[in-house]
Amino acid sequence: MIAESESTYLTNENFDTAIFAGGCFWCTESDFDKMPGVVSTISGYIGGTVVDPTYEQVVAGKTGHVEAVMVYFDKTKTNYSKLLNAYWFTIDPLTPNRQFCDSGAQYRSAIFYRNSEQKEQAEISKKTLDLSGRFAKPIVTEILPAVEFYRAEDYHQDYYQKNPLRYKYYRNNCGRDTRLKELWGTQH
């Protein structure tokens, strides 16, 4: 619910969604929740062939799904382009079928576009990064059409807030922040 004291009255027209896969959805959710303009995030699964998959099925790598996060954002405070820019700094775009300590196609990095505008922006963003000369290796992050997104089990939602010690332990031991610093420096 938006407070009536907001200077701009917000309607559904002011909101949009984006879907990003960046390895462990706990970490991706945590990273996006910190962004100005992000209203909420939902951890889930996308891109597979099994209807309503479970976590156990997805992590076994047999459904074709990838762990992903649906980002619900306020277009009066941020935009898709800013989300794309932030996304790159939260992933390793050079390693296929893996993010940090999580291995398998279910942990690959991917941007799932919901319309032609998002597709175009994602492709431009990726091409710009690829041509920047920042990396000697090519960017392997996929850009795919959004298909059915399945919400993950409740215990995965806001995991980093519900279980802060376990989350910090996992994130640290997974090497995520160390690798991000190697790739992006201190600006991430």
Protein backbone atom coordinates (compact mmCIF):
# COMPACT_ATOMS: atom_id res chain seq x y z
CA MET A 1 0.00 0.00 0.00
CA ILE A 2 1.34 3.42 -0.96
CA ALA A 3 1.00 6.20 1.60
CA GLU A 4 -1.31 9.02 0.55
CA SER A 5 1.40 11.52 1.45
CA GLU A 6 3.48 10.45 -1.53
CA SER A 7 4.02 13.44 -3.82
CA THR A 8 3.09 11.34 -6.85
CA TYR A 9 0.00 9.18 -6.73
CA LEU A 10 1.05 5.73 -7.87
CA THR A 11 -1.12 3.43 -9.95
CA ASN A 12 -0.56 0.05 -11.53
CA GLU A 13 0.65 1.95 -14.59
CA ASN A 14 3.63 3.08 -12.53
CA PHE A 15 4.77 -0.46 -11.81
CA ASP A 16 6.50 -3.07 -13.93
CA THR A 17 8.33 -6.36 -13.48
CA ALA A 18 11.69 -7.71 -14.56
CA ILE A 19 13.08 -11.24 -14.22
CA PHE A 20 16.74 -11.97 -13.61
CA ALA A 21 18.65 -15.19 -12.96
CA GLY A 22 21.95 -14.76 -11.19
CA GLY A 23 22.69 -18.00 -9.42
CA CYS A 24 21.31 -18.46 -5.94
CA PHE A 25 18.01 -16.61 -5.78
CA TRP A 26 18.56 -15.74 -2.11
CA CYS A 27 21.51 -13.57 -3.13
CA THR A 28 19.86 -12.12 -6.22
CA GLU A 29 16.79 -11.21 -4.17
CA SER A 30 18.94 -9.57 -1.49
CA ASP A 31 20.87 -7.53 -4.06
CA PHE A 32 17.75 -6.21 -5.80
CA ASP A 33 15.86 -5.47 -2.58
CA LYS A 34 18.54 -2.88 -1.79
CA MET A 35 17.89 -0.92 -4.98
CA PRO A 36 15.91 2.33 -4.86
CA GLY A 37 12.59 1.91 -6.64
CA VAL A 38 12.32 -1.84 -6.11
CA VAL A 39 8.98 -2.50 -4.44
CA SER A 40 9.35 -6.26 -3.93
CA THR A 41 11.10 -9.37 -5.17
CA ILE A 42 9.95 -12.95 -5.52
CA SER A 43 12.29 -15.92 -5.71
CA GLY A 44 11.22 -18.59 -8.16
CA TYR A 45 11.88 -20.83 -11.13
CA ILE A 46 11.61 -20.13 -14.85
CA GLY A 47 12.48 -21.68 -18.18
CA GLY A 48 11.83 -25.35 -17.58
CA THR A 49 9.45 -28.04 -18.73
CA VAL A 50 7.94 -29.24 -15.44
CA VAL A 51 4.74 -27.57 -14.25
CA ASP A 52 4.97 -26.13 -10.72
CA PRO A 53 8.45 -27.51 -9.94
CA THR A 54 9.79 -27.93 -6.44
CA TYR A 55 13.14 -26.72 -5.17
CA GLU A 56 14.38 -30.30 -4.95
CA GLN A 57 13.47 -30.92 -8.60
CA VAL A 58 15.10 -27.70 -9.83
CA VAL A 59 18.38 -28.08 -7.91
CA ALA A 60 18.65 -31.65 -9.20
CA GLY A 61 18.95 -30.06 -12.66
CA LYS A 62 16.33 -32.22 -14.36
CA THR A 63 13.52 -29.69 -15.00
CA GLY A 64 15.32 -27.17 -17.21
CA HIS A 65 14.37 -24.36 -14.84
CA VAL A 66 16.76 -21.74 -13.54
CA GLU A 67 16.62 -20.09 -10.13
CA ALA A 68 15.46 -16.53 -10.77
CA VAL A 69 13.98 -13.46 -9.14
CA MET A 70 10.98 -11.46 -10.29
CA VAL A 71 11.61 -7.81 -9.47
CA TYR A 72 8.56 -5.60 -9.04
CA PHE A 73 9.58 -1.95 -9.45
CA ASP A 74 8.16 1.56 -9.37
CA LYS A 75 8.82 3.22 -12.74
CA THR A 76 8.61 6.68 -11.14
CA LYS A 77 11.71 5.84 -9.08
CA THR A 78 13.77 3.56 -11.34
CA ASN A 79 13.59 1.96 -14.75
CA TYR A 80 14.45 -1.27 -16.52
CA SER A 81 17.74 0.13 -17.82
CA LYS A 82 18.92 0.91 -14.28
CA LEU A 83 17.93 -2.57 -13.13
CA LEU A 84 19.92 -4.09 -16.01
CA ASN A 85 22.96 -2.02 -15.10
CA ALA A 86 22.73 -3.08 -11.46
CA TYR A 87 22.20 -6.72 -12.47
CA TRP A 88 25.57 -7.04 -14.21
CA PHE A 89 27.38 -6.05 -11.00
CA THR A 90 25.67 -8.90 -9.10
CA ILE A 91 26.73 -11.76 -11.38
CA ASP A 92 29.70 -13.42 -13.05
CA PRO A 93 28.72 -12.94 -16.72
CA LEU A 94 31.70 -14.96 -17.99
CA THR A 95 31.00 -18.41 -16.58
CA PRO A 96 28.41 -20.66 -18.24
CA ASN A 97 26.10 -22.90 -16.19
CA ARG A 98 27.47 -21.70 -12.88
CA GLN A 99 27.41 -18.78 -10.50
CA PHE A 100 30.05 -18.81 -7.82
CA CYS A 101 29.82 -22.07 -5.81
CA ASP A 102 26.53 -23.16 -7.39
CA SER A 103 27.08 -25.35 -10.42
CA GLY A 104 24.67 -26.50 -13.11
CA ALA A 105 22.41 -24.98 -15.76
CA GLN A 106 19.85 -24.21 -13.04
CA TYR A 107 22.30 -21.57 -11.75
CA ARG A 108 23.22 -19.93 -15.06
CA SER A 109 22.88 -16.20 -15.50
CA ALA A 110 20.01 -15.02 -17.69
CA ILE A 111 17.79 -12.04 -18.34
CA PHE A 112 14.19 -12.99 -19.10
CA TYR A 113 12.50 -10.25 -21.09
CA ARG A 114 8.75 -9.70 -20.89
CA ASN A 115 8.29 -7.60 -24.05
CA SER A 116 10.16 -6.28 -27.07
CA GLU A 117 11.30 -3.15 -25.24
CA GLN A 118 12.90 -5.18 -22.45
CA LYS A 119 14.49 -7.49 -25.04
CA GLU A 120 16.01 -4.56 -26.90
CA GLN A 121 17.30 -2.92 -23.73
CA ALA A 122 18.79 -6.22 -22.49
CA GLU A 123 20.54 -6.84 -25.81
CA ILE A 124 21.94 -3.31 -25.90
CA SER A 125 23.10 -3.59 -22.30
CA LYS A 126 24.85 -6.91 -22.95
CA LYS A 127 26.43 -5.70 -26.19
CA THR A 128 27.66 -2.51 -24.52
CA LEU A 129 29.31 -4.53 -21.77
CA ASP A 130 30.78 -6.99 -24.28
CA LEU A 131 32.24 -4.18 -26.40
CA SER A 132 33.54 -2.21 -23.41
CA GLY A 133 36.76 -4.21 -23.39
CA ARG A 134 36.35 -4.87 -19.67
CA PHE A 135 36.65 -8.63 -20.17
CA ALA A 136 38.84 -10.70 -22.48
CA LYS A 137 36.23 -13.47 -22.46
CA PRO A 138 32.75 -13.15 -24.00
CA ILE A 139 29.63 -12.49 -21.95
CA VAL A 140 27.68 -15.77 -21.69
CA THR A 141 24.60 -14.42 -19.89
CA GLU A 142 21.54 -15.46 -21.88
CA ILE A 143 18.70 -13.18 -22.95
CA LEU A 144 15.51 -15.24 -23.16
CA PRO A 145 11.77 -14.66 -23.46
CA ALA A 146 9.95 -14.87 -20.15
CA VAL A 147 7.79 -17.93 -19.82
CA GLU A 148 5.85 -19.22 -16.82
CA PHE A 149 7.47 -18.06 -13.58
CA TYR A 150 6.83 -20.30 -10.59
CA ARG A 151 7.10 -18.83 -7.11
CA ALA A 152 9.55 -20.75 -4.93
CA GLU A 153 8.50 -22.23 -1.63
CA ASP A 154 7.76 -19.75 1.17
CA TYR A 155 10.91 -20.59 3.12
CA HIS A 156 12.98 -19.24 0.19
CA GLN A 157 11.21 -15.86 0.12
CA ASP A 158 13.24 -13.17 1.90
CA TYR A 159 15.60 -15.88 3.11
CA TYR A 160 18.36 -13.36 3.80
CA GLN A 161 16.05 -11.52 6.22
CA LYS A 162 14.50 -14.59 7.88
CA ASN A 163 17.84 -16.38 8.34
CA PRO A 164 20.51 -13.66 8.35
CA LEU A 165 23.30 -15.72 9.94
CA ARG A 166 22.81 -18.72 7.66
CA TYR A 167 22.51 -16.42 4.65
CA LYS A 168 25.73 -14.53 5.47
CA TYR A 169 27.55 -17.81 6.07
CA TYR A 170 26.34 -19.20 2.72
CA ARG A 171 27.12 -16.04 0.76
CA ASN A 172 30.60 -15.73 2.27
CA ASN A 173 31.49 -19.41 1.82
CA CYS A 174 30.16 -19.42 -1.72
CA GLY A 175 32.75 -16.79 -2.69
CA ARG A 176 30.18 -14.54 -4.34
CA ASP A 177 31.44 -11.20 -3.05
CA THR A 178 35.10 -12.14 -3.54
CA ARG A 179 34.44 -13.02 -7.20
CA LEU A 180 32.32 -9.92 -7.74
CA LYS A 181 35.16 -7.76 -6.43
CA GLU A 182 37.58 -9.54 -8.81
CA LEU A 183 35.26 -8.88 -11.76
CA TRP A 184 33.94 -5.42 -10.95
CA GLY A 185 36.31 -3.90 -8.40
CA THR A 186 34.98 -1.91 -5.49
CA GLN A 187 32.18 -0.27 -7.50
CA HIS A 188 29.77 -3.22 -7.15
